[in-house]
Amino acid sequence: MKGTIVCLIGGVVLAGGLGAMTRTPPQEAPPTAVAAPSALPDGAGREMTQRVCGQCHSVGMFATQRHTQDEWNGVISRMIAKGMTAPEDDLYEISDYLAENLGKAGVAQDG
């Protein structure tokens, strides 16, 4: 008897929860001001950056970001910690490309 009451109460709670979920109108996604570009700007290191960084995600994921050279190096270090692999020379080329083409405007870059 006690088990039957628990099951009935659980069923009522579950049914009430599902009913509440279906009554909520679907929310629209917020509009985006600018779509992320699918390609990176032209420049030395572009193809290398697309090839290495594109192994795990689209370039659109970072193409709108702006960082100093040191900040891009930090991003690259975090990606290495997550499993990205590339020869050291390629990583320097990527870092230079990102700093040159996706750097912060008006911020001194390391050279």
C-alpha atoms as a PDB file:
ATOM      1  CA  MET A   1       0.000   0.000   0.000  1.00  0.00           C
ATOM      2  CA  LYS A   2       2.761   2.401   0.955  1.00  0.00           C
ATOM      3  CA  GLY A   3       4.578   1.651  -2.347  1.00  0.00           C
ATOM      4  CA  THR A   4       1.403   2.391  -4.328  1.00  0.00           C
ATOM      5  CA  ILE A   5       1.035   5.827  -2.747  1.00  0.00           C
ATOM      6  CA  VAL A   6       4.653   6.706  -3.508  1.00  0.00           C
ATOM      7  CA  CYS A   7       4.196   5.644  -7.134  1.00  0.00           C
ATOM      8  CA  LEU A   8       1.004   7.648  -7.459  1.00  0.00           C
ATOM      9  CA  ILE A   9       2.572  10.740  -5.924  1.00  0.00           C
ATOM     10  CA  GLY A  10       5.633  10.365  -8.163  1.00  0.00           C
ATOM     11  CA  GLY A  11       3.366  10.011 -11.199  1.00  0.00           C
ATOM     12  CA  VAL A  12       1.428  13.138 -10.272  1.00  0.00           C
ATOM     13  CA  VAL A  13       4.630  15.140  -9.777  1.00  0.00           C
ATOM     14  CA  LEU A  14       6.048  13.861 -13.054  1.00  0.00           C
ATOM     15  CA  ALA A  15       2.833  14.576 -14.949  1.00  0.00           C
ATOM     16  CA  GLY A  16       2.617  18.051 -13.435  1.00  0.00           C
ATOM     17  CA  GLY A  17       6.218  18.763 -14.369  1.00  0.00           C
ATOM     18  CA  LEU A  18       5.744  17.646 -17.953  1.00  0.00           C
ATOM     19  CA  GLY A  19       2.546  19.648 -18.241  1.00  0.00           C
ATOM     20  CA  ALA A  20       4.326  22.762 -17.073  1.00  0.00           C
ATOM     21  CA  MET A  21       7.093  22.211 -19.606  1.00  0.00           C
ATOM     22  CA  THR A  22       4.705  21.925 -22.530  1.00  0.00           C
ATOM     23  CA  ARG A  23       2.848  25.114 -21.594  1.00  0.00           C
ATOM     24  CA  THR A  24       5.955  27.289 -21.777  1.00  0.00           C
ATOM     25  CA  PRO A  25       6.213  28.941 -25.193  1.00  0.00           C
ATOM     26  CA  PRO A  26       9.486  28.272 -27.005  1.00  0.00           C
ATOM     27  CA  GLN A  27      12.010  31.053 -26.653  1.00  0.00           C
ATOM     28  CA  GLU A  28      13.606  32.519 -29.726  1.00  0.00           C
ATOM     29  CA  ALA A  29      17.377  32.673 -30.010  1.00  0.00           C
ATOM     30  CA  PRO A  30      18.735  36.193 -29.563  1.00  0.00           C
ATOM     31  CA  PRO A  31      19.618  37.840 -32.857  1.00  0.00           C
ATOM     32  CA  THR A  32      23.282  37.986 -33.737  1.00  0.00           C
ATOM     33  CA  ALA A  33      24.687  41.292 -34.851  1.00  0.00           C
ATOM     34  CA  VAL A  34      27.341  39.794 -37.122  1.00  0.00           C
ATOM     35  CA  ALA A  35      27.697  36.244 -38.317  1.00  0.00           C
ATOM     36  CA  ALA A  36      31.067  34.689 -37.563  1.00  0.00           C
ATOM     37  CA  PRO A  37      33.209  34.542 -40.672  1.00  0.00           C
ATOM     38  CA  SER A  38      33.922  31.108 -42.053  1.00  0.00           C
ATOM     39  CA  ALA A  39      37.338  32.122 -43.341  1.00  0.00           C
ATOM     40  CA  LEU A  40      40.343  33.872 -41.888  1.00  0.00           C
ATOM     41  CA  PRO A  41      41.931  37.012 -43.379  1.00  0.00           C
ATOM     42  CA  ASP A  42      44.647  36.513 -46.000  1.00  0.00           C
ATOM     43  CA  GLY A  43      48.185  36.520 -44.704  1.00  0.00           C
ATOM     44  CA  ALA A  44      51.256  34.414 -44.125  1.00  0.00           C
ATOM     45  CA  GLY A  45      50.258  31.562 -41.827  1.00  0.00           C
ATOM     46  CA  ARG A  46      46.567  31.511 -42.752  1.00  0.00           C
ATOM     47  CA  GLU A  47      46.599  27.995 -44.216  1.00  0.00           C
ATOM     48  CA  MET A  48      48.623  26.641 -41.294  1.00  0.00           C
ATOM     49  CA  THR A  49      46.212  28.244 -38.821  1.00  0.00           C
ATOM     50  CA  GLN A  50      43.191  26.828 -40.626  1.00  0.00           C
ATOM     51  CA  ARG A  51      44.738  23.362 -40.797  1.00  0.00           C
ATOM     52  CA  VAL A  52      45.961  23.115 -37.190  1.00  0.00           C
ATOM     53  CA  CYS A  53      43.169  24.982 -35.406  1.00  0.00           C
ATOM     54  CA  GLY A  54      40.519  23.560 -37.722  1.00  0.00           C
ATOM     55  CA  GLN A  55      41.277  20.023 -36.526  1.00  0.00           C
ATOM     56  CA  CYS A  56      39.060  20.571 -33.492  1.00  0.00           C
ATOM     57  CA  HIS A  57      36.741  23.459 -34.331  1.00  0.00           C
ATOM     58  CA  SER A  58      35.735  25.860 -37.071  1.00  0.00           C
ATOM     59  CA  VAL A  59      37.819  28.962 -37.607  1.00  0.00           C
ATOM     60  CA  GLY A  60      34.623  30.954 -37.120  1.00  0.00           C
ATOM     61  CA  MET A  61      34.914  30.063 -33.437  1.00  0.00           C
ATOM     62  CA  PHE A  62      37.908  32.376 -33.031  1.00  0.00           C
ATOM     63  CA  ALA A  63      38.013  34.522 -36.182  1.00  0.00           C
ATOM     64  CA  THR A  64      36.220  37.417 -34.462  1.00  0.00           C
ATOM     65  CA  GLN A  65      38.420  37.381 -31.357  1.00  0.00           C
ATOM     66  CA  ARG A  66      41.085  40.030 -30.900  1.00  0.00           C
ATOM     67  CA  HIS A  67      44.098  39.420 -28.660  1.00  0.00           C
ATOM     68  CA  THR A  68      47.668  40.595 -28.201  1.00  0.00           C
ATOM     69  CA  GLN A  69      50.486  38.228 -29.175  1.00  0.00           C
ATOM     70  CA  ASP A  70      50.878  37.165 -25.538  1.00  0.00           C
ATOM     71  CA  GLU A  71      47.152  36.493 -25.251  1.00  0.00           C
ATOM     72  CA  TRP A  72      47.152  34.411 -28.469  1.00  0.00           C
ATOM     73  CA  ASN A  73      50.133  32.479 -27.080  1.00  0.00           C
ATOM     74  CA  GLY A  74      48.036  31.771 -23.993  1.00  0.00           C
ATOM     75  CA  VAL A  75      45.180  30.523 -26.181  1.00  0.00           C
ATOM     76  CA  ILE A  76      47.597  28.279 -28.084  1.00  0.00           C
ATOM     77  CA  SER A  77      48.987  26.937 -24.787  1.00  0.00           C
ATOM     78  CA  ARG A  78      45.463  26.098 -23.609  1.00  0.00           C
ATOM     79  CA  MET A  79      44.758  24.299 -26.886  1.00  0.00           C
ATOM     80  CA  ILE A  80      47.987  22.292 -26.506  1.00  0.00           C
ATOM     81  CA  ALA A  81      46.867  21.336 -22.990  1.00  0.00           C
ATOM     82  CA  LYS A  82      43.607  20.088 -24.559  1.00  0.00           C
ATOM     83  CA  GLY A  83      45.472  17.888 -27.037  1.00  0.00           C
ATOM     84  CA  MET A  84      46.405  20.061 -30.016  1.00  0.00           C
ATOM     85  CA  THR A  85      49.623  18.926 -31.628  1.00  0.00           C
ATOM     86  CA  ALA A  86      51.805  20.713 -34.160  1.00  0.00           C
ATOM     87  CA  PRO A  87      55.522  21.228 -34.705  1.00  0.00           C
ATOM     88  CA  GLU A  88      56.955  24.150 -32.734  1.00  0.00           C
ATOM     89  CA  ASP A  89      57.759  26.133 -35.901  1.00  0.00           C
ATOM     90  CA  ASP A  90      54.122  25.817 -36.985  1.00  0.00           C
ATOM     91  CA  LEU A  91      52.961  27.127 -33.610  1.00  0.00           C
ATOM     92  CA  TYR A  92      55.181  30.203 -33.991  1.00  0.00           C
ATOM     93  CA  GLU A  93      53.742  30.769 -37.467  1.00  0.00           C
ATOM     94  CA  ILE A  94      50.187  30.479 -36.103  1.00  0.00           C
ATOM     95  CA  SER A  95      50.936  32.832 -33.218  1.00  0.00           C
ATOM     96  CA  ASP A  96      52.449  35.412 -35.560  1.00  0.00           C
ATOM     97  CA  TYR A  97      49.535  35.105 -37.980  1.00  0.00           C
ATOM     98  CA  LEU A  98      46.925  35.517 -35.238  1.00  0.00           C
ATOM     99  CA  ALA A  99      48.696  38.504 -33.681  1.00  0.00           C
ATOM    100  CA  GLU A 100      49.131  40.198 -37.057  1.00  0.00           C
ATOM    101  CA  ASN A 101      45.645  39.531 -38.433  1.00  0.00           C
ATOM    102  CA  LEU A 102      43.480  39.126 -35.325  1.00  0.00           C
ATOM    103  CA  GLY A 103      45.354  41.388 -32.940  1.00  0.00           C
ATOM    104  CA  LYS A 104      43.932  44.132 -30.772  1.00  0.00           C
ATOM    105  CA  ALA A 105      43.905  47.454 -32.597  1.00  0.00           C
ATOM    106  CA  GLY A 106      46.169  50.023 -31.015  1.00  0.00           C
ATOM    107  CA  VAL A 107      47.850  47.501 -28.681  1.00  0.00           C
ATOM    108  CA  ALA A 108      51.618  47.026 -28.952  1.00  0.00           C
ATOM    109  CA  GLN A 109      52.423  43.525 -30.157  1.00  0.00           C
ATOM    110  CA  ASP A 110      55.469  41.528 -29.050  1.00  0.00           C
ATOM    111  CA  GLY A 111      57.869  40.902 -31.870  1.00  0.00           C
END
